Amino acid sequence: MTIASKRPWRMLGLLLAAPSASLAQPAPPATGAHAGGSGVCNAPCDPYPGMKKLLVVADVQTGYQHNSINHTMAVIEALGRESGEYVTFLRTDSQLITKTPINVKSARYPTGNVNGRDLDYFDAVFFLGSGEGTLSPRQKTDLLSYVHDDGKGLVLGHAQGVNFYNWPEWGTMIGGFMASEFPITGMYAKVTDPSWKAAAAFGKGSFFWADQWPVLKPAFKRGDVHTIVALDPARMTPEQRARANRPDDYLPIVWAKSYGKGRVFNMTGGHNDATLDDPKTQALLLEGIEWALGLRAEDASPDK
């Protein structure tokens, strides 16, 4: 399918029509350019020819282990299968974040071909890590190059702005680091760019979004990202405003940005399962993933 033929907001309509069954019922086989394959052949054979590949990495060995990560991974995989737009590879380790061919020799696999896929196989990475991470210096270089030079995508889940806090280039790539977080009870937000159609479905006014949102570091400045949804400063309590410490009222919580040739989409929410099950949230997440995969065009110009 071409970019012009993408209609993720149609999926929103389907989810709104039957929210209780949206993830419970198996989707019919996909047709067309993204029909994919049987998934039964080994590397270097591609088991999903013609489909975009999304690598989800939930490596939390060095940091806080959010309970919601499990459900986030399930939602991401289900959205890909239901939309027919991409196939998901779920990992809880960082081994595949490399441009070096994966070759693991053992008595069982003397040739070293263990069906491992490196970054070149994937069109985008969805990162759900925690803490300092387990990436080697070479893996960090490969990930930066994968997005910046190869023009691939990076999607970020909840609290990724507090990860790799000792790796400045990570903060540059994703848009900036977090200082802390607001309580998980939720806050009022507003859509700042309705050209992202799934975001527009939240409406023109302020709305309450029940999740845990980031307190951005002061170094996070306007022009670093393209804001899609922001916290509404007019609906913040005095305590929330003091915690935010943003006299400029610059409070993005969902954003996109270009990083070299690549595309970065940051959905900072996802702490609560109920939010992840919300049809509008799922549609926005799908739109961001599709953009990161290069399946659709969206505005990612820096805020002014």
Protein backbone atom coordinates (compact mmCIF):
# COMPACT_ATOMS: atom_id res chain seq x y z
CA MET A 1 0.00 0.00 0.00
CA THR A 2 1.16 3.53 -0.63
CA ILE A 3 1.34 6.31 1.93
CA ALA A 4 -1.68 7.99 0.39
CA SER A 5 -3.81 4.87 0.93
CA LYS A 6 -3.21 4.60 4.69
CA ARG A 7 -6.33 5.03 6.80
CA PRO A 8 -5.46 4.36 10.47
CA TRP A 9 -8.39 6.53 11.53
CA ARG A 10 -10.67 3.94 9.91
CA MET A 11 -9.26 1.46 12.40
CA LEU A 12 -10.20 3.92 15.15
CA GLY A 13 -13.78 3.73 13.90
CA LEU A 14 -13.71 -0.05 14.02
CA LEU A 15 -12.25 -0.02 17.54
CA LEU A 16 -14.85 2.49 18.71
CA ALA A 17 -17.61 0.34 17.23
CA ALA A 18 -16.52 -2.80 19.06
CA PRO A 19 -14.01 -1.96 21.80
CA SER A 20 -14.62 -5.09 23.83
CA ALA A 21 -13.73 -7.37 20.95
CA SER A 22 -11.10 -5.31 19.15
CA LEU A 23 -8.16 -7.34 20.45
CA ALA A 24 -9.98 -10.58 21.24
CA GLN A 25 -11.03 -11.62 17.75
CA PRO A 26 -8.51 -12.88 15.17
CA ALA A 27 -8.12 -10.62 12.16
CA PRO A 28 -8.85 -11.97 8.68
CA PRO A 29 -5.82 -12.73 6.54
CA ALA A 30 -4.19 -9.59 5.16
CA THR A 31 -4.26 -9.03 1.43
CA GLY A 32 -2.27 -6.92 -1.00
CA ALA A 33 1.28 -5.70 -0.69
CA HIS A 34 1.48 -6.38 3.04
CA ALA A 35 -0.05 -9.85 3.05
CA GLY A 36 3.23 -11.30 4.31
CA GLY A 37 4.29 -14.91 4.42
CA SER A 38 3.99 -18.01 6.52
CA GLY A 39 6.72 -17.13 9.02
CA VAL A 40 8.28 -20.59 8.76
CA CYS A 41 11.62 -20.08 7.00
CA ASN A 42 14.98 -19.29 8.60
CA ALA A 43 17.57 -16.59 7.93
CA PRO A 44 18.63 -15.45 5.43
CA CYS A 45 15.19 -16.30 4.08
CA ASP A 46 12.57 -13.63 4.87
CA PRO A 47 9.51 -15.31 6.42
CA TYR A 48 7.44 -12.15 6.00
CA PRO A 49 8.21 -10.84 2.48
CA GLY A 50 6.72 -7.48 1.60
CA MET A 51 5.88 -6.58 5.20
CA LYS A 52 7.41 -3.90 7.38
CA LYS A 53 9.27 -5.30 10.37
CA LEU A 54 9.08 -3.75 13.85
CA LEU A 55 11.55 -4.87 16.52
CA VAL A 56 10.22 -4.36 20.05
CA VAL A 57 12.94 -4.37 22.70
CA ALA A 58 11.87 -4.47 26.36
CA ASP A 59 15.26 -4.85 28.04
CA VAL A 60 14.68 -3.78 31.65
CA GLN A 61 17.56 -5.63 33.32
CA THR A 62 19.16 -2.43 34.63
CA GLY A 63 16.18 -0.36 35.75
CA TYR A 64 12.58 -0.12 36.88
CA GLN A 65 10.35 -2.89 35.53
CA HIS A 66 6.97 -1.41 34.69
CA ASN A 67 4.14 -3.93 34.93
CA SER A 68 2.49 -2.38 31.87
CA ILE A 69 5.37 -3.31 29.56
CA ASN A 70 3.88 -6.79 29.12
CA HIS A 71 0.56 -5.38 27.95
CA THR A 72 2.25 -2.73 25.80
CA MET A 73 4.07 -5.44 23.88
CA ALA A 74 0.81 -7.36 23.38
CA VAL A 75 -1.01 -4.25 22.11
CA ILE A 76 1.79 -3.38 19.66
CA GLU A 77 1.79 -6.91 18.23
CA ALA A 78 -2.00 -7.01 17.96
CA LEU A 79 -2.16 -3.64 16.20
CA GLY A 80 0.27 -4.90 13.58
CA ARG A 81 -1.68 -8.08 12.95
CA GLU A 82 -5.08 -6.37 12.87
CA SER A 83 -3.98 -3.58 10.56
CA GLY A 84 -1.84 -5.84 8.38
CA GLU A 85 0.76 -3.06 8.23
CA TYR A 86 3.69 -4.68 10.00
CA VAL A 87 4.98 -7.79 11.72
CA THR A 88 6.35 -7.54 15.24
CA PHE A 89 9.41 -9.25 16.72
CA LEU A 90 9.21 -9.19 20.55
CA ARG A 91 12.43 -9.34 22.54
CA THR A 92 13.30 -8.83 26.21
CA ASP A 93 17.01 -8.50 25.46
CA SER A 94 19.07 -6.15 23.29
CA GLN A 95 20.98 -8.72 21.23
CA LEU A 96 19.40 -7.75 17.90
CA ILE A 97 20.37 -4.07 18.23
CA THR A 98 23.50 -4.52 16.15
CA LYS A 99 24.66 -4.24 12.57
CA THR A 100 27.03 -7.14 13.08
CA PRO A 101 25.73 -10.49 11.80
CA ILE A 102 24.61 -12.65 14.72
CA ASN A 103 26.62 -15.86 14.69
CA VAL A 104 26.44 -18.09 17.77
CA LYS A 105 28.28 -21.38 17.43
CA SER A 106 27.59 -24.32 19.71
CA ALA A 107 27.53 -28.09 19.59
CA ARG A 108 23.92 -27.89 18.46
CA TYR A 109 24.58 -25.16 15.87
CA PRO A 110 28.16 -25.67 14.63
CA THR A 111 27.67 -23.33 11.66
CA GLY A 112 26.57 -20.47 13.91
CA ASN A 113 23.30 -19.83 12.07
CA VAL A 114 20.75 -19.50 14.86
CA ASN A 115 18.22 -17.53 12.81
CA GLY A 116 19.26 -14.24 14.41
CA ARG A 117 18.28 -10.99 12.70
CA ASP A 118 20.30 -7.81 13.01
CA LEU A 119 19.13 -4.22 12.61
CA ASP A 120 19.35 -4.33 8.82
CA TYR A 121 16.30 -6.63 8.80
CA PHE A 122 14.05 -4.18 10.64
CA ASP A 123 12.34 -0.96 9.53
CA ALA A 124 11.90 0.46 13.03
CA VAL A 125 12.68 -0.30 16.67
CA PHE A 126 10.12 0.18 19.46
CA PHE A 127 12.09 0.71 22.66
CA LEU A 128 10.73 -0.13 26.11
CA GLY A 129 13.99 -0.29 28.05
CA SER A 130 14.88 0.84 31.53
CA GLY A 131 17.95 2.12 33.36
CA GLU A 132 21.44 2.40 31.91
CA GLY A 133 20.73 -0.44 29.52
CA THR A 134 22.88 -3.34 28.36
CA LEU A 135 23.98 -1.93 25.00
CA SER A 136 27.70 -2.10 24.29
CA PRO A 137 29.45 0.99 22.87
CA ARG A 138 29.32 -0.66 19.44
CA GLN A 139 25.58 -1.32 19.76
CA LYS A 140 24.97 2.30 20.73
CA THR A 141 26.85 3.48 17.66
CA ASP A 142 24.90 1.06 15.50
CA LEU A 143 21.54 2.24 16.86
CA LEU A 144 22.36 5.91 16.29
CA SER A 145 23.53 5.15 12.75
CA TYR A 146 20.47 2.98 12.09
CA VAL A 147 18.18 5.95 12.66
CA HIS A 148 20.35 8.92 11.67
CA ASP A 149 22.15 7.53 8.63
CA ASP A 150 20.01 4.64 7.42
CA GLY A 151 16.76 6.58 7.76
CA LYS A 152 14.98 3.98 9.88
CA GLY A 153 12.44 4.56 12.64
CA LEU A 154 12.51 4.64 16.44
CA VAL A 155 9.34 4.49 18.56
CA LEU A 156 9.48 5.13 22.28
CA GLY A 157 7.14 3.86 24.96
CA HIS A 158 6.56 4.96 28.53
CA ALA A 159 9.39 6.64 30.48
CA GLN A 160 12.07 6.30 27.82
CA GLY A 161 13.31 9.78 28.69
CA VAL A 162 14.73 8.47 31.95
CA ASN A 163 16.71 5.67 30.29
CA PHE A 164 20.35 5.79 29.20
CA TYR A 165 20.80 8.90 31.35
CA ASN A 166 24.56 8.50 31.01
CA TRP A 167 24.37 8.50 27.19
CA PRO A 168 23.86 12.11 25.96
CA GLU A 169 23.35 11.07 22.34
CA TRP A 170 20.26 9.12 23.38
CA GLY A 171 18.69 12.30 24.74
CA THR A 172 19.51 14.15 21.53
CA MET A 173 17.98 11.41 19.39
CA ILE A 174 14.72 11.07 21.33
CA GLY A 175 14.21 14.79 22.00
CA GLY A 176 15.35 15.15 25.60
CA PHE A 177 15.50 13.62 29.06
CA MET A 178 12.96 13.53 31.88
CA ALA A 179 13.57 15.00 35.33
CA SER A 180 10.78 13.00 36.99
CA GLU A 181 7.13 12.07 36.47
CA PHE A 182 3.71 13.31 37.48
CA PRO A 183 1.42 10.99 39.51
CA ILE A 184 -0.23 8.13 37.64
CA THR A 185 -3.72 9.57 38.19
CA GLY A 186 -3.59 11.51 34.91
CA MET A 187 -3.75 15.13 33.74
CA TYR A 188 -5.51 17.35 31.25
CA ALA A 189 -4.00 17.48 27.78
CA LYS A 190 -4.76 19.07 24.41
CA VAL A 191 -3.97 18.26 20.82
CA THR A 192 -1.54 20.73 19.28
CA ASP A 193 -1.34 19.21 15.79
CA PRO A 194 -4.67 17.85 14.50
CA SER A 195 -3.05 17.05 11.14
CA TRP A 196 -2.14 13.80 12.86
CA LYS A 197 -5.62 12.36 12.28
CA ALA A 198 -5.67 9.93 15.20
CA ALA A 199 -4.70 12.79 17.50
CA ALA A 200 -7.52 14.93 16.11
CA ALA A 201 -9.97 12.27 17.30
CA PHE A 202 -9.32 13.44 20.88
CA GLY A 203 -11.12 16.68 19.99
CA LYS A 204 -10.25 20.36 19.93
CA GLY A 205 -10.61 21.06 23.63
CA SER A 206 -8.85 19.99 26.76
CA PHE A 207 -9.34 16.33 27.71
CA PHE A 208 -8.37 14.21 30.70
CA TRP A 209 -5.81 11.51 29.90
CA ALA A 210 -5.38 8.99 32.70
CA ASP A 211 -1.72 8.04 32.65
CA GLN A 212 1.67 9.02 34.06
CA TRP A 213 3.26 11.86 32.13
CA PRO A 214 6.86 13.13 32.17
CA VAL A 215 8.33 16.13 33.90
CA LEU A 216 10.84 17.27 31.30
CA LYS A 217 14.27 18.57 32.19
CA PRO A 218 14.81 22.35 31.79
CA ALA A 219 17.21 21.63 28.91
CA PHE A 220 14.23 20.33 26.90
CA LYS A 221 13.53 23.36 24.73
CA ARG A 222 11.08 24.42 22.07
CA GLY A 223 12.28 23.48 18.61
CA ASP A 224 13.74 20.12 19.63
CA VAL A 225 10.59 18.18 18.70
CA HIS A 226 7.26 18.48 16.91
CA THR A 227 4.50 18.39 19.54
CA ILE A 228 1.38 16.39 18.73
CA VAL A 229 -0.22 16.36 22.20
CA ALA A 230 0.79 18.50 25.20
CA LEU A 231 -0.30 18.91 28.77
CA ASP A 232 -2.75 21.78 29.19
CA PRO A 233 -1.11 24.37 31.48
CA ALA A 234 -4.45 26.11 31.98
CA ARG A 235 -5.81 22.99 33.71
CA MET A 236 -2.79 22.29 35.91
CA THR A 237 -2.96 22.71 39.67
CA PRO A 238 -0.45 24.99 41.42
CA GLU A 239 1.34 21.87 42.64
CA GLN A 240 1.57 20.48 39.10
CA ARG A 241 2.86 23.77 37.71
CA ALA A 242 5.51 23.93 40.42
CA ARG A 243 6.59 20.39 39.67
CA ALA A 244 6.72 21.04 35.93
CA ASN A 245 8.90 24.12 36.47
CA ARG A 246 8.18 25.34 32.95
CA PRO A 247 7.53 29.10 32.90
CA ASP A 248 7.32 28.79 29.10
CA ASP A 249 4.40 26.31 29.39
CA TYR A 250 6.19 23.99 26.95
CA LEU A 251 4.82 20.58 27.97
CA PRO A 252 4.88 18.00 25.12
CA ILE A 253 3.81 14.44 25.97
CA VAL A 254 3.45 12.96 22.47
CA TRP A 255 5.85 14.14 19.79
CA ALA A 256 7.64 13.33 16.57
CA LYS A 257 11.01 14.46 15.33
CA SER A 258 13.48 13.88 12.57
CA TYR A 259 16.89 12.57 13.53
CA GLY A 260 19.14 12.83 10.52
CA LYS A 261 17.36 10.79 7.84
CA GLY A 262 15.31 8.89 10.42
CA ARG A 263 11.98 9.27 12.21
CA VAL A 264 11.42 9.27 15.99
CA PHE A 265 7.96 9.00 17.60
CA ASN A 266 7.66 9.34 21.37
CA MET A 267 4.48 8.23 23.14
CA THR A 268 5.44 9.01 26.72
CA GLY A 269 2.32 7.44 28.23
CA GLY A 270 1.60 3.75 28.68
CA HIS A 271 1.87 3.24 32.42
CA ASN A 272 -1.77 2.18 32.71
CA ASP A 273 -3.29 -0.85 30.98
CA ALA A 274 -6.64 0.92 30.65
CA THR A 275 -5.03 3.73 28.65
CA LEU A 276 -3.37 1.20 26.35
CA ASP A 277 -6.79 -0.38 25.75
CA ASP A 278 -8.40 2.95 24.84
CA PRO A 279 -9.29 2.92 21.10
CA LYS A 280 -8.15 6.52 20.55
CA THR A 281 -4.82 5.88 22.26
CA GLN A 282 -4.32 2.73 20.19
CA ALA A 283 -5.11 4.59 16.96
CA LEU A 284 -2.59 7.31 17.82
CA LEU A 285 0.02 4.70 18.66
CA LEU A 286 -0.62 2.94 15.35
CA GLU A 287 -0.32 6.20 13.43
CA GLY A 288 3.02 6.91 15.08
CA ILE A 289 4.30 3.41 14.36
CA GLU A 290 3.23 3.63 10.73
CA TRP A 291 5.02 6.96 10.35
CA ALA A 292 8.18 5.59 11.96
CA LEU A 293 8.05 2.61 9.59
CA GLY A 294 7.86 4.97 6.61
CA LEU A 295 4.32 3.94 5.69
CA ARG A 296 2.77 7.41 5.88
CA ALA A 297 3.74 11.07 5.71
CA GLU A 298 3.23 13.30 8.75
CA ASP A 299 4.37 16.73 9.88
CA ALA A 300 7.46 16.45 12.09
CA SER A 301 8.77 19.98 11.66
CA PRO A 302 10.26 21.45 14.86
CA ASP A 303 7.98 23.53 17.07
CA LYS A 304 8.35 27.29 16.73
